[in-house]
């Protein structure tokens, strides 16, 4: 159908998750994303649902690992079959700045014309309401 869902799944805010006593669930966010993609794909009988996960890195508290595992678990439990086509997280997305771990890729964009993803760069670090409120892009 050409429908593209782009979402930002951030760290857990629960103290239990951050302390390692609880693994947060991203089930609701994944369900919302998949429901919206399904709505945008109504009438299309061919194609497949592809997943790219980009952004987590090896932080000292392993929060990114917990978020990535929660996200992958939620995708695995979802009813439609999802094809993982790109996973750029953990060690493969980590560089050192001095002695501090830092992500190589912090965000991505999607061309609505071609469906290709690319590393996103943002010159302004402030809240841009229109961009931060965007949930789903549709393309050809």
Foldseek 3Di string as FASTA:
>chain_A
DLWDWDDDQDFDPDPCCLVPNDQDACLVVVVVRVVVSVVVCPPPDDDAAEDAADAAEDAPSCRSVSRVVNVVVSQVPDPGDYHYDYYQYYHNQWDDDPNGTDGNAHDWDADLAPRDIDGDDDPDPDDDPVVVPDTIDGHD
